[in-house]
Amino acid sequence: MLSESTLKRPQTPADTPKPSATAVSKLNSRNLSFFYGSFQALHNISIDISANKVTAFIGPSGCGKSTFLRTMNRMNEALRNTRVQGDLLLDGENLLSMDVTDVRRRVGMVFQKSNPFPKTIFDNVAYGLRVNGIHKTRILQEAVERSLQRAALWNEVKDKLQKPASALSGGQQQRLCIARALAVEPEVLLLDEPCSALDPIATLKIEELLFQLKSVTTIVIVTHNMQQAARVADYTGFFLMGKLIEFNDTRRIFQNPAVKETEDYVTGRFG
């Protein structure tokens, strides 16, 4: 199991029951399956994701965790010959039948590789607001500053807002992408391996940021780094071969898993 030192972080008590028994759910998946053509990538995923918590998905490459994450803001619809079965609820409303623009406003996403637009720092953060019809200078300025502060980037860029985003470091670019996602006030923020290309210092800044952000949004993160999941997540789900094998309080997943496959994975026997 992961050591006690790895688990030192603000977190829920060790005896906290499963989130469905204790917390308000923001997202609910019920028997969700996803297909790439004839290949079934997800098998009957049922999970309750708690509001204003960090939920992490772990598992080996190709296990379905990123596919499930992308399904939560319907990114997979851009792919041909895919289909989804089951239910995915956002505040009790069927996310799969909502207007997709509304879904992506309410459920933001940050990708593995930072992808700032070829624009200024200011214009990157303001982009989503302008797309949604907000053009008043004062409102944009306030929203950009607020978003950069939430992304712990304001003090580093406040005098460079008209500089190109490409001039920022990799870690700064990733936080800029988080600020861009936060600018439209999403209810849920999805992060797919957001630290995989970052150095340890930049990774630490992102992890510290997640602790702060969960007071204003619900966070779901996919990570290959089990130590990261142990540090930042309130709840953790283990995926294997397109199935959700186990989902529980993070400390239980890493110190007392209920399923042998989970134990084998978190102790390094495979993966």
Protein backbone atom coordinates (compact mmCIF):
# COMPACT_ATOMS: atom_id res chain seq x y z
CA MET A 1 0.00 0.00 0.00
CA LEU A 2 1.06 3.65 -0.29
CA SER A 3 2.83 4.95 2.77
CA GLU A 4 1.28 7.18 5.40
CA SER A 5 3.60 10.01 4.34
CA THR A 6 2.18 9.90 0.81
CA LEU A 7 -1.31 10.36 2.21
CA LYS A 8 -0.52 13.44 4.29
CA ARG A 9 -2.99 16.03 2.99
CA PRO A 10 -6.30 17.64 3.98
CA GLN A 11 -8.84 14.88 3.43
CA THR A 12 -11.98 13.20 4.63
CA PRO A 13 -11.72 10.96 7.72
CA ALA A 14 -10.71 7.35 7.20
CA ASP A 15 -14.12 6.11 8.32
CA THR A 16 -16.08 8.18 5.81
CA PRO A 17 -18.60 5.96 3.97
CA LYS A 18 -19.01 5.97 0.21
CA PRO A 19 -19.94 9.37 -1.20
CA SER A 20 -23.43 8.30 -2.17
CA ALA A 21 -24.20 7.86 1.52
CA THR A 22 -22.74 11.13 2.79
CA ALA A 23 -22.54 13.88 0.20
CA VAL A 24 -24.62 15.75 -2.32
CA SER A 25 -24.04 14.29 -5.77
CA LYS A 26 -23.26 16.55 -8.70
CA LEU A 27 -22.94 13.89 -11.40
CA ASN A 28 -24.59 10.48 -11.50
CA SER A 29 -23.77 7.76 -13.98
CA ARG A 30 -26.14 4.82 -14.28
CA ASN A 31 -25.20 1.74 -16.31
CA LEU A 32 -23.23 3.88 -18.74
CA SER A 33 -21.63 2.01 -21.65
CA PHE A 34 -19.64 3.49 -24.51
CA PHE A 35 -18.74 2.00 -27.87
CA TYR A 36 -16.15 2.82 -30.52
CA GLY A 37 -17.81 1.04 -33.41
CA SER A 38 -18.19 -2.58 -32.29
CA PHE A 39 -15.62 -2.19 -29.50
CA GLN A 40 -17.11 -1.62 -26.06
CA ALA A 41 -14.82 0.74 -24.15
CA LEU A 42 -17.01 1.22 -21.06
CA HIS A 43 -19.17 -1.42 -19.39
CA ASN A 44 -22.15 -0.34 -17.27
CA ILE A 45 -20.43 2.39 -15.25
CA SER A 46 -22.49 3.47 -12.23
CA ILE A 47 -21.04 6.12 -9.95
CA ASP A 48 -22.08 9.15 -7.87
CA ILE A 49 -19.64 12.06 -8.00
CA SER A 50 -19.90 14.37 -5.01
CA ALA A 51 -20.23 18.12 -5.32
CA ASN A 52 -17.27 20.28 -4.29
CA LYS A 53 -14.95 17.32 -3.89
CA VAL A 54 -12.01 16.01 -5.91
CA THR A 55 -12.66 12.61 -7.48
CA ALA A 56 -9.74 10.78 -9.11
CA PHE A 57 -9.84 7.95 -11.64
CA ILE A 58 -6.85 5.62 -11.73
CA GLY A 59 -6.00 2.51 -13.71
CA PRO A 60 -3.63 1.23 -16.40
CA SER A 61 -3.47 2.69 -19.90
CA GLY A 62 -6.48 1.84 -22.02
CA CYS A 63 -8.72 1.00 -19.08
CA GLY A 64 -11.46 3.50 -20.01
CA LYS A 65 -10.90 6.23 -17.44
CA SER A 66 -10.21 9.00 -19.99
CA THR A 67 -13.07 7.79 -22.19
CA PHE A 68 -15.42 8.11 -19.23
CA LEU A 69 -14.05 11.57 -18.41
CA ARG A 70 -14.62 12.78 -21.98
CA THR A 71 -18.13 11.35 -21.95
CA MET A 72 -18.94 13.68 -19.05
CA ASN A 73 -18.72 16.73 -21.27
CA ARG A 74 -19.58 14.88 -24.50
CA MET A 75 -16.20 15.31 -26.16
CA ASN A 76 -16.55 11.80 -27.58
CA GLU A 77 -19.37 12.99 -29.84
CA ALA A 78 -16.72 14.51 -32.10
CA LEU A 79 -15.58 10.98 -33.00
CA ARG A 80 -17.30 9.06 -35.79
CA ASN A 81 -19.09 5.78 -35.24
CA THR A 82 -19.39 6.06 -31.47
CA ARG A 83 -22.43 5.56 -29.28
CA VAL A 84 -23.35 5.72 -25.62
CA GLN A 85 -25.93 3.78 -23.63
CA GLY A 86 -27.24 4.41 -20.13
CA ASP A 87 -27.80 7.59 -18.17
CA LEU A 88 -25.52 10.45 -17.15
CA LEU A 89 -27.14 13.04 -14.91
CA LEU A 90 -25.97 16.55 -14.01
CA ASP A 91 -27.97 17.83 -11.04
CA GLY A 92 -30.59 15.22 -11.91
CA GLU A 93 -30.91 16.31 -15.55
CA ASN A 94 -29.91 14.00 -18.39
CA LEU A 95 -26.60 15.45 -19.58
CA LEU A 96 -26.70 13.32 -22.73
CA SER A 97 -29.81 15.09 -24.03
CA MET A 98 -28.85 18.67 -23.09
CA ASP A 99 -27.68 21.22 -25.62
CA VAL A 100 -24.00 20.41 -26.05
CA THR A 101 -22.95 24.07 -25.77
CA ASP A 102 -24.69 24.29 -22.40
CA VAL A 103 -22.98 21.07 -21.28
CA ARG A 104 -19.54 22.42 -22.11
CA ARG A 105 -20.26 25.68 -20.34
CA ARG A 106 -21.31 23.84 -17.20
CA VAL A 107 -18.69 21.08 -17.45
CA GLY A 108 -15.26 22.43 -18.37
CA MET A 109 -12.28 20.35 -19.42
CA VAL A 110 -8.50 20.68 -19.23
CA PHE A 111 -6.44 18.31 -21.34
CA GLN A 112 -3.20 16.42 -20.80
CA LYS A 113 -1.19 18.74 -23.03
CA SER A 114 -1.60 22.43 -22.34
CA ASN A 115 -3.26 24.00 -25.37
CA PRO A 116 -3.28 27.80 -25.08
CA PHE A 117 -4.69 29.55 -28.12
CA PRO A 118 -2.30 31.63 -30.30
CA LYS A 119 -3.56 34.75 -28.58
CA THR A 120 -2.57 36.96 -25.68
CA ILE A 121 -2.87 35.78 -22.10
CA PHE A 122 -5.88 38.06 -21.64
CA ASP A 123 -7.61 36.87 -24.80
CA ASN A 124 -7.07 33.22 -23.86
CA VAL A 125 -8.93 33.65 -20.58
CA ALA A 126 -11.62 35.87 -22.09
CA TYR A 127 -12.24 33.54 -25.03
CA GLY A 128 -15.13 31.54 -23.57
CA LEU A 129 -16.80 34.65 -22.22
CA ARG A 130 -16.76 36.29 -25.65
CA VAL A 131 -18.11 33.13 -27.26
CA ASN A 132 -20.99 33.36 -24.78
CA GLY A 133 -21.75 36.94 -25.83
CA ILE A 134 -19.93 38.90 -23.12
CA HIS A 135 -18.00 41.81 -24.63
CA LYS A 136 -18.10 44.67 -22.11
CA THR A 137 -14.52 45.58 -21.25
CA ARG A 138 -15.07 46.00 -17.52
CA ILE A 139 -16.83 42.65 -17.15
CA LEU A 140 -14.13 40.89 -19.15
CA GLN A 141 -11.35 42.51 -17.12
CA GLU A 142 -12.95 41.50 -13.83
CA ALA A 143 -13.58 37.95 -15.01
CA VAL A 144 -10.05 37.51 -16.36
CA GLU A 145 -8.50 38.75 -13.13
CA ARG A 146 -10.78 36.57 -11.01
CA SER A 147 -10.04 33.48 -13.11
CA LEU A 148 -6.29 34.04 -13.08
CA GLN A 149 -6.40 34.51 -9.31
CA ARG A 150 -8.33 31.27 -8.91
CA ALA A 151 -5.75 29.54 -11.09
CA ALA A 152 -2.94 30.94 -8.89
CA LEU A 153 -1.45 32.73 -11.90
CA TRP A 154 -2.47 36.36 -11.49
CA ASN A 155 0.63 37.53 -9.62
CA GLU A 156 2.87 35.98 -12.27
CA VAL A 157 1.14 37.47 -15.32
CA LYS A 158 -0.75 40.60 -14.21
CA ASP A 159 1.80 42.84 -15.95
CA LYS A 160 1.97 40.62 -19.06
CA LEU A 161 -1.67 40.23 -20.03
CA GLN A 162 -1.05 41.46 -23.58
CA LYS A 163 1.92 39.14 -24.08
CA PRO A 164 1.43 35.92 -26.09
CA ALA A 165 0.40 32.90 -24.03
CA SER A 166 3.11 30.90 -25.79
CA ALA A 167 5.73 32.87 -23.84
CA LEU A 168 4.65 31.21 -20.58
CA SER A 169 6.34 28.14 -19.12
CA GLY A 170 4.68 24.75 -19.45
CA GLY A 171 3.31 24.85 -15.92
CA GLN A 172 2.05 28.39 -16.40
CA GLN A 173 0.39 27.43 -19.67
CA GLN A 174 -1.46 24.60 -17.93
CA ARG A 175 -2.68 26.96 -15.22
CA LEU A 176 -3.70 29.39 -17.96
CA CYS A 177 -5.83 26.65 -19.51
CA ILE A 178 -7.40 26.06 -16.10
CA ALA A 179 -8.10 29.80 -15.81
CA ARG A 180 -9.66 29.75 -19.29
CA ALA A 181 -11.94 26.90 -18.22
CA LEU A 182 -12.83 28.65 -14.96
CA ALA A 183 -13.73 31.95 -16.64
CA VAL A 184 -17.19 30.72 -17.63
CA GLU A 185 -17.85 29.56 -14.04
CA PRO A 186 -18.21 25.83 -14.72
CA GLU A 187 -20.01 23.69 -12.18
CA VAL A 188 -17.68 20.76 -12.90
CA LEU A 189 -14.02 20.83 -13.96
CA LEU A 190 -12.59 17.74 -15.67
CA LEU A 191 -8.81 17.30 -15.87
CA ASP A 192 -7.23 14.58 -18.01
CA GLU A 193 -3.66 13.90 -16.82
CA PRO A 194 -3.06 17.65 -16.27
CA CYS A 195 0.42 17.18 -14.76
CA SER A 196 1.86 14.40 -16.92
CA ALA A 197 4.15 16.76 -18.87
CA LEU A 198 5.09 19.01 -15.94
CA ASP A 199 8.09 19.09 -13.63
CA PRO A 200 7.62 18.39 -9.88
CA ILE A 201 7.41 22.08 -8.92
CA ALA A 202 4.73 22.85 -11.51
CA THR A 203 2.90 19.66 -10.53
CA LEU A 204 2.85 20.77 -6.89
CA LYS A 205 1.34 24.12 -7.88
CA ILE A 206 -1.44 22.39 -9.81
CA GLU A 207 -2.15 20.05 -6.88
CA GLU A 208 -2.29 22.95 -4.43
CA LEU A 209 -4.63 24.70 -6.84
CA LEU A 210 -7.06 21.76 -6.82
CA PHE A 211 -7.47 22.03 -3.04
CA GLN A 212 -8.51 25.67 -3.43
CA LEU A 213 -10.77 25.17 -6.44
CA LYS A 214 -13.02 22.52 -4.96
CA SER A 215 -14.69 25.21 -2.84
CA VAL A 216 -16.12 26.69 -6.06
CA THR A 217 -16.44 23.70 -8.40
CA THR A 218 -16.61 19.92 -8.52
CA ILE A 219 -13.36 18.38 -9.78
CA VAL A 220 -12.77 15.08 -11.56
CA ILE A 221 -9.19 14.16 -12.46
CA VAL A 222 -7.71 11.26 -14.41
CA THR A 223 -4.15 10.42 -13.38
CA HIS A 224 -1.60 7.65 -13.87
CA ASN A 225 0.21 8.95 -10.79
CA MET A 226 -1.21 7.06 -7.82
CA GLN A 227 0.68 9.24 -5.35
CA GLN A 228 -1.04 12.25 -6.90
CA ALA A 229 -4.46 10.64 -6.52
CA ALA A 230 -3.65 9.86 -2.89
CA ARG A 231 -2.61 13.46 -2.25
CA VAL A 232 -5.39 15.39 -3.97
CA ALA A 233 -8.51 13.23 -4.17
CA ASP A 234 -11.33 12.88 -1.68
CA TYR A 235 -12.64 9.85 -3.59
CA THR A 236 -10.94 7.48 -6.02
CA GLY A 237 -12.26 5.09 -8.63
CA PHE A 238 -10.19 2.24 -10.08
CA PHE A 239 -10.86 1.32 -13.72
CA LEU A 240 -9.77 -1.90 -15.42
CA MET A 241 -10.68 -3.13 -18.92
CA GLY A 242 -13.51 -0.63 -19.26
CA LYS A 243 -15.08 -1.46 -15.91
CA LEU A 244 -15.23 0.49 -12.66
CA ILE A 245 -13.77 -2.11 -10.32
CA GLU A 246 -13.94 -0.14 -7.06
CA PHE A 247 -14.93 3.35 -5.92
CA ASN A 248 -14.54 4.66 -2.39
CA ASP A 249 -12.89 7.12 -0.06
CA THR A 250 -9.31 7.60 -1.25
CA ARG A 251 -7.69 6.41 1.96
CA ARG A 252 -9.67 3.18 1.83
CA ILE A 253 -8.76 2.58 -1.81
CA PHE A 254 -5.06 2.86 -1.07
CA GLN A 255 -4.87 1.37 2.42
CA ASN A 256 -7.72 -1.13 2.58
CA PRO A 257 -9.13 -1.90 -0.88
CA ALA A 258 -12.08 -4.25 -0.98
CA VAL A 259 -11.26 -5.86 -4.32
CA LYS A 260 -8.14 -7.91 -5.09
CA GLU A 261 -7.61 -6.27 -8.49
CA THR A 262 -7.51 -2.86 -6.80
CA GLU A 263 -5.00 -4.09 -4.23
CA ASP A 264 -2.82 -5.60 -6.96
CA TYR A 265 -2.80 -2.31 -8.86
CA VAL A 266 -2.11 0.08 -5.97
CA THR A 267 0.66 -2.17 -4.64
CA GLY A 268 2.35 -2.30 -8.02
CA ARG A 269 1.77 -5.95 -8.86
CA PHE A 270 0.57 -4.89 -12.31
CA GLY A 271 -0.11 -1.76 -14.30
